[in-house]
Amino acid sequence: MSMPPTAWRKLWLWGECALIYGVLPLLFVHENLRCVKFAALFGLLALALVLASRTGGWRPLLRPGPLRPHLLHILLRAALAALVIAGLTRWLRPDDLLRFPRTRPGIWALVMLLYPVLSAYPQELIYRTCFFQRYAPIFTSPPAMLLASSAAFAWLHIVFWNVPALVLSLLGGMVLSHTYQRARSTLAVTAEHALYGCLLFTIGLGRYFYLPR
C-alpha cells in the first residue's frame, strides 16, 4: 500500500532537515575546509531561504518583525546572561576575563560592529525564521520545534570542535527559539543573539567560538 502524499512530504522534510542541518556542518569540521566558514554560512543561508520560501513564500522570511515590544525582556535576559557568562569565565578561564577589549580594543570594537550583521542575523534567518517556516509540518508542537531548532543551532557549532561551544550554543539556542516562538520577529531574536555573542567575546568565553588551528 502506497503512502499518502502528506506522509511522503513529511518523510522528505525529515531527510532534508537531517541532511542540511545535521550532515552539512560536519563537512566543515575538516581541516582543509575551515577557511571557508563564512562562505559556507551564507551558502547555507541561501539554501535555507530558497527551501523555506517554497513552503510559506518570501514575505514572512523578509519581514523583520517588531523589536520594541520585546526589548525590555531581551535586555533583562541579557543582563542575566552577562552574570552567568562572567561566572563561567571566572571558573573556566579566569585569565581571559575582559582580556579581549583590554588587549585588542580595535579588533574587539570591529567584532562588536560586525558580529550582529555577519553572524547573528544570518544564523537567526537559518535556524529560527527559515527552520520554523519550513519544518513546522514535522515538528508540530512548540516544545518539539524549540528543541529541534536549538539542537540544530548547537550542532552548527561543531565546527569549533569543543564541548563548551556546543553546550553554550544549545542553551542559548533554547532561549532564542523561545524568543522567536513568542515574538515571531527575526529582528528581535537577532538583537538578542547579537547581545549574547558580544557578551561572550567581551567577557571572556569567546575563545571557544574561534576556529581551532
Protein backbone atom coordinates (compact mmCIF):
# COMPACT_ATOMS: atom_id res chain seq x y z
CA MET A 1 0.00 0.00 0.00
CA SER A 2 1.44 3.36 -1.04
CA MET A 3 2.00 6.16 1.42
CA PRO A 4 -0.34 9.18 1.25
CA PRO A 5 1.13 12.43 -0.14
CA THR A 6 1.34 14.01 3.31
CA ALA A 7 3.38 11.07 4.61
CA TRP A 8 5.79 11.30 1.69
CA ARG A 9 6.03 15.03 2.27
CA LYS A 10 6.94 14.56 5.93
CA LEU A 11 9.46 11.85 5.08
CA TRP A 12 11.08 14.20 2.56
CA LEU A 13 11.24 17.00 5.12
CA TRP A 14 12.83 14.69 7.71
CA GLY A 15 15.53 13.67 5.25
CA GLU A 16 16.10 17.22 4.05
CA CYS A 17 16.37 18.53 7.62
CA ALA A 18 18.82 15.79 8.61
CA LEU A 19 20.98 16.45 5.55
CA ILE A 20 21.08 20.25 5.74
CA TYR A 21 21.18 20.76 9.49
CA GLY A 22 22.89 17.52 10.51
CA VAL A 23 25.29 16.42 7.80
CA LEU A 24 26.40 19.68 6.17
CA PRO A 25 28.00 21.17 9.33
CA LEU A 26 30.16 18.05 9.63
CA LEU A 27 31.77 18.82 6.28
CA PHE A 28 33.30 21.96 7.72
CA VAL A 29 34.97 20.23 10.63
CA HIS A 30 37.57 19.01 8.14
CA GLU A 31 40.88 20.83 8.49
CA ASN A 32 41.08 21.88 4.83
CA LEU A 33 37.63 23.48 4.84
CA ARG A 34 37.74 25.68 7.95
CA CYS A 35 38.88 28.71 5.99
CA VAL A 36 35.53 28.85 4.17
CA LYS A 37 33.39 29.01 7.33
CA PHE A 38 31.68 32.29 6.50
CA ALA A 39 31.21 31.40 2.84
CA ALA A 40 29.57 28.15 3.99
CA LEU A 41 27.31 30.06 6.38
CA PHE A 42 26.00 32.30 3.62
CA GLY A 43 25.66 29.33 1.28
CA LEU A 44 23.56 27.59 3.92
CA LEU A 45 21.55 30.78 4.34
CA ALA A 46 20.76 30.92 0.62
CA LEU A 47 19.70 27.27 0.61
CA ALA A 48 17.54 27.67 3.72
CA LEU A 49 15.83 30.77 2.29
CA VAL A 50 15.00 29.08 -1.01
CA LEU A 51 13.62 25.96 0.67
CA ALA A 52 11.61 27.91 3.23
CA SER A 53 10.18 30.17 0.52
CA ARG A 54 8.74 27.08 -1.16
CA THR A 55 6.75 26.35 2.00
CA GLY A 56 5.40 29.74 3.05
CA GLY A 57 6.61 32.22 0.46
CA TRP A 58 9.16 35.00 0.74
CA ARG A 59 7.12 37.56 2.62
CA PRO A 60 7.41 36.02 6.12
CA LEU A 61 11.15 35.50 5.58
CA LEU A 62 11.84 39.09 4.60
CA ARG A 63 9.60 40.72 7.21
CA PRO A 64 11.90 41.56 10.17
CA GLY A 65 9.15 41.90 12.76
CA PRO A 66 8.99 44.29 15.72
CA LEU A 67 11.74 44.81 18.26
CA ARG A 68 10.45 47.46 20.65
CA PRO A 69 7.70 45.38 22.37
CA HIS A 70 10.27 42.72 23.25
CA LEU A 71 13.24 44.93 24.06
CA LEU A 72 12.80 45.03 27.85
CA HIS A 73 12.63 41.23 28.12
CA ILE A 74 15.66 40.89 25.85
CA LEU A 75 17.70 43.33 27.93
CA LEU A 76 16.73 41.64 31.20
CA ARG A 77 17.75 38.23 29.87
CA ALA A 78 20.97 39.71 28.51
CA ALA A 79 21.77 41.12 31.95
CA LEU A 80 21.25 37.67 33.46
CA ALA A 81 23.35 36.12 30.68
CA ALA A 82 26.16 38.56 31.44
CA LEU A 83 26.25 37.38 35.07
CA VAL A 84 26.26 33.73 34.00
CA ILE A 85 28.99 34.30 31.40
CA ALA A 86 31.10 36.22 33.92
CA GLY A 87 30.74 33.39 36.45
CA LEU A 88 31.65 30.75 33.88
CA THR A 89 34.65 32.79 32.75
CA ARG A 90 35.92 33.10 36.32
CA TRP A 91 35.54 29.33 36.65
CA LEU A 92 36.77 28.07 33.27
CA ARG A 93 39.17 30.75 32.03
CA PRO A 94 39.87 33.37 34.74
CA ASP A 95 42.85 34.77 32.84
CA ASP A 96 40.59 35.64 29.90
CA LEU A 97 38.20 37.85 31.88
CA LEU A 98 37.82 41.05 29.78
CA ARG A 99 41.13 40.25 28.07
CA PHE A 100 39.84 40.86 24.54
CA PRO A 101 38.72 44.52 25.00
CA ARG A 102 41.71 45.25 27.24
CA THR A 103 44.43 43.87 24.99
CA ARG A 104 42.99 44.29 21.48
CA PRO A 105 40.45 47.12 21.69
CA GLY A 106 40.47 47.89 17.96
CA ILE A 107 39.70 44.33 16.88
CA TRP A 108 37.20 43.99 19.73
CA ALA A 109 35.32 47.10 18.52
CA LEU A 110 35.28 45.69 14.97
CA VAL A 111 33.83 42.41 16.22
CA MET A 112 31.15 44.29 18.15
CA LEU A 113 30.16 46.12 14.97
CA LEU A 114 30.28 43.22 12.51
CA TYR A 115 29.07 40.27 14.60
CA PRO A 116 25.38 41.29 14.62
CA VAL A 117 25.28 41.68 10.83
CA LEU A 118 27.64 38.99 9.56
CA SER A 119 26.98 36.26 12.12
CA ALA A 120 23.90 36.74 14.32
CA TYR A 121 21.50 37.81 11.54
CA PRO A 122 22.34 35.01 9.05
CA GLN A 123 22.18 32.39 11.80
CA GLU A 124 18.79 33.60 13.00
CA LEU A 125 17.40 33.53 9.48
CA ILE A 126 18.65 29.95 9.07
CA TYR A 127 17.88 28.47 12.48
CA ARG A 128 14.78 30.36 13.50
CA THR A 129 12.94 32.10 10.62
CA CYS A 130 13.57 29.51 7.89
CA PHE A 131 13.60 26.50 10.21
CA PHE A 132 10.26 27.38 11.79
CA GLN A 133 8.64 28.05 8.43
CA ARG A 134 9.97 25.02 6.58
CA TYR A 135 9.79 22.30 9.22
CA ALA A 136 6.57 23.16 11.05
CA PRO A 137 4.86 20.12 9.40
CA ILE A 138 7.20 17.68 11.18
CA PHE A 139 7.81 19.47 14.49
CA THR A 140 4.17 20.15 15.20
CA SER A 141 4.27 21.07 18.91
CA PRO A 142 6.01 24.17 20.30
CA PRO A 143 8.33 22.13 22.58
CA ALA A 144 9.36 19.86 19.69
CA MET A 145 10.09 22.83 17.45
CA LEU A 146 12.03 24.59 20.21
CA LEU A 147 14.20 21.54 20.88
CA ALA A 148 14.76 20.77 17.18
CA SER A 149 15.74 24.34 16.31
CA SER A 150 18.01 24.58 19.36
CA ALA A 151 19.71 21.26 18.66
CA ALA A 152 20.31 22.18 15.01
CA PHE A 153 21.74 25.54 16.06
CA ALA A 154 24.05 23.92 18.61
CA TRP A 155 25.20 21.33 16.07
CA LEU A 156 26.34 24.11 13.71
CA HIS A 157 28.98 24.91 16.34
CA ILE A 158 30.60 21.50 15.94
CA VAL A 159 32.99 23.36 13.60
CA PHE A 160 34.67 24.81 16.70
CA TRP A 161 35.38 21.29 17.96
CA ASN A 162 34.94 21.84 21.69
CA VAL A 163 32.28 20.85 24.20
CA PRO A 164 31.69 24.31 25.78
CA ALA A 165 30.74 25.75 22.37
CA LEU A 166 28.14 23.02 21.88
CA VAL A 167 26.70 23.32 25.40
CA LEU A 168 26.56 27.12 25.38
CA SER A 169 25.03 27.12 21.91
CA LEU A 170 22.37 24.62 22.95
CA LEU A 171 21.38 26.66 25.99
CA GLY A 172 21.48 29.93 24.07
CA GLY A 173 19.57 28.33 21.21
CA MET A 174 16.77 27.30 23.54
CA VAL A 175 16.41 30.87 24.78
CA LEU A 176 16.50 32.26 21.24
CA SER A 177 13.99 29.71 19.93
CA HIS A 178 11.66 30.59 22.80
CA THR A 179 12.00 34.27 21.91
CA TYR A 180 11.17 33.56 18.28
CA GLN A 181 8.19 31.38 19.20
CA ARG A 182 6.80 34.17 21.34
CA ALA A 183 7.68 37.19 19.19
CA ARG A 184 7.83 35.80 15.63
CA SER A 185 10.34 38.56 14.98
CA THR A 186 13.64 37.99 13.20
CA LEU A 187 14.76 41.43 14.32
CA ALA A 188 14.07 40.69 18.00
CA VAL A 189 15.81 37.32 18.01
CA THR A 190 18.77 38.73 16.06
CA ALA A 191 19.18 41.54 18.58
CA GLU A 192 19.15 39.02 21.43
CA HIS A 193 21.61 36.73 19.66
CA ALA A 194 23.92 39.67 18.96
CA LEU A 195 23.87 40.69 22.63
CA TYR A 196 24.78 37.20 23.79
CA GLY A 197 27.55 36.86 21.23
CA CYS A 198 29.05 40.24 22.04
CA LEU A 199 28.92 39.43 25.76
CA LEU A 200 30.73 36.13 25.19
CA PHE A 201 33.53 37.81 23.26
CA THR A 202 33.76 40.77 25.64
CA ILE A 203 33.67 38.96 28.97
CA GLY A 204 35.95 36.10 28.07
CA LEU A 205 34.35 32.94 26.63
CA GLY A 206 34.79 33.96 23.01
CA ARG A 207 37.85 31.70 22.78
CA TYR A 208 35.51 28.72 22.49
CA PHE A 209 33.98 30.20 19.35
CA TYR A 210 37.19 30.65 17.38
CA LEU A 211 38.07 28.12 14.71
CA PRO A 212 40.80 25.84 16.06
CA ARG A 213 44.14 25.98 14.36
